Amino acid sequence: MKYREVVPGIFIDRPNRFIANVWINKEKHEVHVKNTGRCREILIPGTKVFLEKARRHSKRRTEFSLISAWKGPQLINIDSQIPNDLVYSSLKRKIINIKEGISDLKREINYRDSRLDMFYRRSHKKGFIEVKGVTLEKKGVAFFPDAPTVRGTRHVLGLIDALKEGYEANIIFVIQMKGINYFSPNERMDPAFSKALRLAHVNGVHIKAYDCLVTSNAICIDRSIEVVL
């Protein structure tokens, strides 16, 4: 997946979840942050970042969106909208495969009180896929979430219910960087989500993780990463 009109900048601060102040060509700009997570270990004053310029005729108030940032030698994509696009595109193009014979792949499907990311058919089977973007890394380990997520826990429990009703159920964690040894749930940050994920695994929900190749203007899924629960 490629971005258009990408420019470098220097992060200043983040007044709220949706807005950051960034130096671009020595001018201070208020920019949109495409990630409502905390990202505290990434968005540090002075950090070099990349931003995408808004398209012409866009109704957005800000001219730029913050899409990635350097953390030491790692360039981390922090666009929370891109993981779903990556998985959908990779499944359609058969770059990744969770099940043989997937067809009729659809996005944004309601199931009970949740809105799950994808639905598919496979021969006489039907299944759901939930996608989670991962930006938190510590000593080569990727963790999710970086903030408590009641919604995320509800999605995982919903997949368990779907499995019991005869659907196939899958969770894919898209790690938006390279240099990762394995993925684990963030027990310290969100015990409820971590418990739900382990329960999902025990009940037969398929859980996978993939890392990504990230550049200043592009991101693509690269390889499968071990999941340690």
Protein backbone atom coordinates (compact mmCIF):
# COMPACT_ATOMS: atom_id res chain seq x y z
CA MET A 1 0.00 0.00 0.00
CA LYS A 2 1.42 3.36 -1.03
CA TYR A 3 0.81 6.86 0.28
CA ARG A 4 0.68 9.96 -1.89
CA GLU A 5 2.65 13.19 -1.35
CA VAL A 6 4.61 12.18 1.73
CA VAL A 7 6.77 14.77 3.50
CA PRO A 8 9.16 14.51 6.49
CA GLY A 9 8.66 16.37 9.74
CA ILE A 10 9.70 16.66 13.37
CA PHE A 11 7.18 15.81 16.11
CA ILE A 12 6.57 18.53 18.71
CA ASP A 13 3.64 17.41 20.88
CA ARG A 14 0.17 15.90 20.86
CA PRO A 15 -2.54 18.07 22.45
CA ASN A 16 -5.17 15.33 22.07
CA ARG A 17 -5.72 11.90 20.50
CA PHE A 18 -6.49 13.28 17.06
CA ILE A 19 -4.11 16.20 16.70
CA ALA A 20 -0.32 16.66 16.83
CA ASN A 21 1.96 19.63 16.28
CA VAL A 22 4.80 18.98 13.84
CA TRP A 23 7.61 21.03 12.28
CA ILE A 24 7.44 20.78 8.47
CA ASN A 25 10.04 22.79 6.55
CA LYS A 26 10.68 24.87 9.69
CA GLU A 27 7.00 25.79 9.94
CA LYS A 28 4.74 24.59 12.75
CA HIS A 29 1.72 22.64 11.51
CA GLU A 30 -1.28 21.16 13.30
CA VAL A 31 -1.73 17.68 11.78
CA HIS A 32 -4.16 14.78 12.02
CA VAL A 33 -2.98 11.66 13.89
CA LYS A 34 -4.29 8.49 12.21
CA ASN A 35 -4.10 6.51 15.45
CA THR A 36 -6.11 7.09 18.63
CA GLY A 37 -3.83 4.81 20.68
CA ARG A 38 -1.33 6.31 23.10
CA CYS A 39 1.88 5.76 21.07
CA ARG A 40 3.78 7.37 23.95
CA GLU A 41 6.95 5.36 23.34
CA ILE A 42 6.92 6.47 19.67
CA LEU A 43 5.67 10.06 19.59
CA ILE A 44 8.40 11.75 21.62
CA PRO A 45 9.32 15.43 21.08
CA GLY A 46 12.06 15.64 18.45
CA THR A 47 11.14 12.35 16.75
CA LYS A 48 11.44 12.29 12.96
CA VAL A 49 8.09 11.49 11.35
CA PHE A 50 6.45 11.21 7.94
CA LEU A 51 3.17 12.79 6.93
CA GLU A 52 0.78 12.41 4.03
CA LYS A 53 -0.64 15.53 2.48
CA ALA A 54 -4.43 15.63 2.31
CA ARG A 55 -5.90 15.19 -1.14
CA ARG A 56 -7.32 18.14 -3.01
CA HIS A 57 -10.89 19.05 -2.16
CA SER A 58 -10.58 17.20 1.15
CA LYS A 59 -12.96 18.54 3.80
CA ARG A 60 -10.43 17.91 6.57
CA ARG A 61 -9.33 20.88 8.63
CA THR A 62 -5.69 19.76 8.74
CA GLU A 63 -3.44 19.72 5.68
CA PHE A 64 -1.38 16.67 6.74
CA SER A 65 -1.83 13.29 8.44
CA LEU A 66 0.90 11.70 10.55
CA ILE A 67 1.49 8.16 9.21
CA SER A 68 4.83 6.91 10.58
CA ALA A 69 7.65 7.69 13.00
CA TRP A 70 11.18 6.57 13.75
CA LYS A 71 11.90 4.75 16.99
CA GLY A 72 15.64 4.27 17.00
CA PRO A 73 16.47 2.23 13.86
CA GLN A 74 12.82 1.17 13.39
CA LEU A 75 10.37 3.02 11.19
CA ILE A 76 6.92 2.30 12.64
CA ASN A 77 3.74 2.90 10.70
CA ILE A 78 1.08 4.27 13.08
CA ASP A 79 -1.81 4.54 10.63
CA SER A 80 -4.60 2.59 12.37
CA GLN A 81 -6.66 2.48 9.16
CA ILE A 82 -4.06 0.67 7.05
CA PRO A 83 -4.01 -2.85 8.69
CA ASN A 84 -7.53 -3.70 7.44
CA ASP A 85 -6.63 -2.58 3.92
CA LEU A 86 -3.42 -4.63 4.02
CA VAL A 87 -5.14 -7.83 5.14
CA TYR A 88 -8.02 -7.45 2.70
CA SER A 89 -5.66 -6.80 -0.22
CA SER A 90 -3.28 -9.61 0.82
CA LEU A 91 -6.12 -12.13 1.07
CA LYS A 92 -7.59 -11.10 -2.27
CA ARG A 93 -4.17 -11.38 -3.94
CA LYS A 94 -3.37 -14.59 -2.02
CA ILE A 95 -0.23 -13.07 -0.49
CA ILE A 96 -1.43 -14.44 2.85
CA ASN A 97 -3.85 -17.29 3.39
CA ILE A 98 -5.76 -18.21 6.53
CA LYS A 99 -7.87 -20.95 4.93
CA GLU A 100 -7.89 -22.70 1.57
CA GLY A 101 -10.65 -21.77 -0.84
CA ILE A 102 -11.81 -18.45 0.61
CA SER A 103 -14.32 -16.63 -1.57
CA ASP A 104 -16.88 -13.84 -1.29
CA LEU A 105 -14.64 -11.77 1.00
CA LYS A 106 -16.58 -8.81 2.40
CA ARG A 107 -15.68 -5.98 4.77
CA GLU A 108 -17.39 -4.45 7.80
CA ILE A 109 -20.00 -7.05 8.73
CA ASN A 110 -22.35 -6.81 11.71
CA TYR A 111 -22.52 -9.79 14.03
CA ARG A 112 -24.73 -9.41 17.11
CA ASP A 113 -23.60 -6.22 18.88
CA SER A 114 -20.19 -6.05 17.11
CA ARG A 115 -19.00 -4.87 13.73
CA LEU A 116 -16.33 -7.33 12.59
CA ASP A 117 -13.74 -6.49 9.96
CA MET A 118 -14.34 -9.22 7.38
CA PHE A 119 -16.62 -12.07 6.41
CA TYR A 120 -15.90 -14.90 3.96
CA ARG A 121 -17.32 -18.09 2.53
CA ARG A 122 -15.30 -21.25 2.07
CA SER A 123 -17.08 -24.17 0.41
CA HIS A 124 -19.94 -24.89 2.85
CA LYS A 125 -18.31 -22.86 5.65
CA LYS A 126 -18.65 -19.20 6.65
CA GLY A 127 -16.16 -17.26 8.72
CA PHE A 128 -15.16 -13.94 10.28
CA ILE A 129 -11.82 -12.16 10.45
CA GLU A 130 -10.93 -9.46 12.97
CA VAL A 131 -7.81 -7.37 12.29
CA LYS A 132 -5.77 -5.50 14.91
CA GLY A 133 -2.91 -3.13 14.14
CA VAL A 134 0.12 -3.35 16.44
CA THR A 135 2.54 -0.45 17.02
CA LEU A 136 3.88 -1.21 20.52
CA GLU A 137 7.32 -2.86 20.68
CA LYS A 138 9.57 -3.62 23.64
CA LYS A 139 12.92 -5.39 23.24
CA GLY A 140 11.90 -7.12 20.04
CA VAL A 141 8.46 -8.20 21.27
CA ALA A 142 5.26 -6.74 19.79
CA PHE A 143 2.34 -6.17 22.17
CA PHE A 144 -1.34 -5.35 21.79
CA PRO A 145 -3.04 -3.23 22.99
CA ASP A 146 -1.11 -0.10 23.99
CA ALA A 147 -4.19 1.17 25.87
CA PRO A 148 -7.19 -0.64 27.42
CA THR A 149 -9.68 -1.67 24.72
CA VAL A 150 -13.18 -2.66 25.79
CA ARG A 151 -14.20 -2.73 22.13
CA GLY A 152 -11.32 -5.08 21.26
CA THR A 153 -12.28 -7.47 24.05
CA ARG A 154 -15.89 -7.46 22.87
CA HIS A 155 -14.74 -8.38 19.36
CA VAL A 156 -12.70 -11.34 20.63
CA LEU A 157 -15.57 -12.65 22.77
CA GLY A 158 -17.91 -12.18 19.81
CA LEU A 159 -15.67 -14.39 17.69
CA ILE A 160 -15.88 -17.12 20.34
CA ASP A 161 -19.68 -16.92 20.17
CA ALA A 162 -19.54 -17.08 16.36
CA LEU A 163 -17.33 -20.16 16.53
CA LYS A 164 -19.83 -21.90 18.79
CA GLU A 165 -22.56 -21.14 16.26
CA GLY A 166 -20.64 -22.91 13.49
CA TYR A 167 -18.69 -20.05 11.93
CA GLU A 168 -14.93 -20.10 11.44
CA ALA A 169 -13.19 -17.36 13.43
CA ASN A 170 -9.83 -15.66 12.90
CA ILE A 171 -7.84 -12.83 14.44
CA ILE A 172 -4.93 -11.30 12.53
CA PHE A 173 -2.47 -8.96 14.25
CA VAL A 174 -0.66 -6.71 11.78
CA ILE A 175 2.62 -5.60 13.33
CA GLN A 176 3.37 -2.30 11.61
CA MET A 177 7.16 -2.63 11.66
CA LYS A 178 10.09 -5.04 11.23
CA GLY A 179 12.54 -6.38 13.81
CA ILE A 180 10.01 -8.39 15.85
CA ASN A 181 10.80 -11.78 17.43
CA TYR A 182 7.27 -12.66 18.53
CA PHE A 183 3.87 -11.22 19.44
CA SER A 184 2.07 -11.38 22.82
CA PRO A 185 -1.03 -9.79 24.35
CA ASN A 186 -0.26 -6.86 26.65
CA GLU A 187 -1.24 -8.43 29.98
CA ARG A 188 -0.07 -5.49 32.06
CA MET A 189 -2.00 -2.92 30.04
CA ASP A 190 -5.24 -4.86 29.52
CA PRO A 191 -5.74 -8.11 31.50
CA ALA A 192 -9.31 -8.49 30.19
CA PHE A 193 -8.26 -8.45 26.54
CA SER A 194 -5.36 -10.83 27.24
CA LYS A 195 -7.67 -13.25 29.04
CA ALA A 196 -10.19 -13.08 26.19
CA LEU A 197 -7.48 -13.77 23.61
CA ARG A 198 -6.24 -16.85 25.47
CA LEU A 199 -9.84 -18.04 25.85
CA ALA A 200 -10.34 -17.56 22.11
CA HIS A 201 -7.27 -19.69 21.38
CA VAL A 202 -8.48 -22.48 23.68
CA ASN A 203 -11.89 -22.45 21.97
CA GLY A 204 -10.39 -22.76 18.50
CA VAL A 205 -10.19 -19.21 17.16
CA HIS A 206 -7.22 -19.03 14.78
CA ILE A 207 -4.76 -16.32 15.82
CA LYS A 208 -2.01 -15.13 13.49
CA ALA A 209 0.46 -12.26 13.40
CA TYR A 210 2.41 -10.74 10.52
CA ASP A 211 5.11 -8.10 10.46
CA CYS A 212 5.43 -5.43 7.77
CA LEU A 213 8.01 -3.81 5.54
CA VAL A 214 7.70 -0.07 6.17
CA THR A 215 9.15 2.79 4.16
CA SER A 216 8.45 6.52 4.20
CA ASN A 217 5.66 6.19 1.62
CA ALA A 218 4.59 2.52 1.70
CA ILE A 219 3.78 -0.50 3.85
CA CYS A 220 3.24 -4.15 2.97
CA ILE A 221 2.75 -7.38 4.92
CA ASP A 222 5.98 -9.38 4.99
CA ARG A 223 6.16 -12.58 7.05
CA SER A 224 4.38 -14.60 9.70
CA ILE A 225 5.42 -13.93 13.30
CA GLU A 226 5.14 -16.37 16.23
CA VAL A 227 2.23 -15.73 18.60
CA VAL A 228 3.02 -16.40 22.29
CA LEU A 229 -0.04 -16.35 24.55
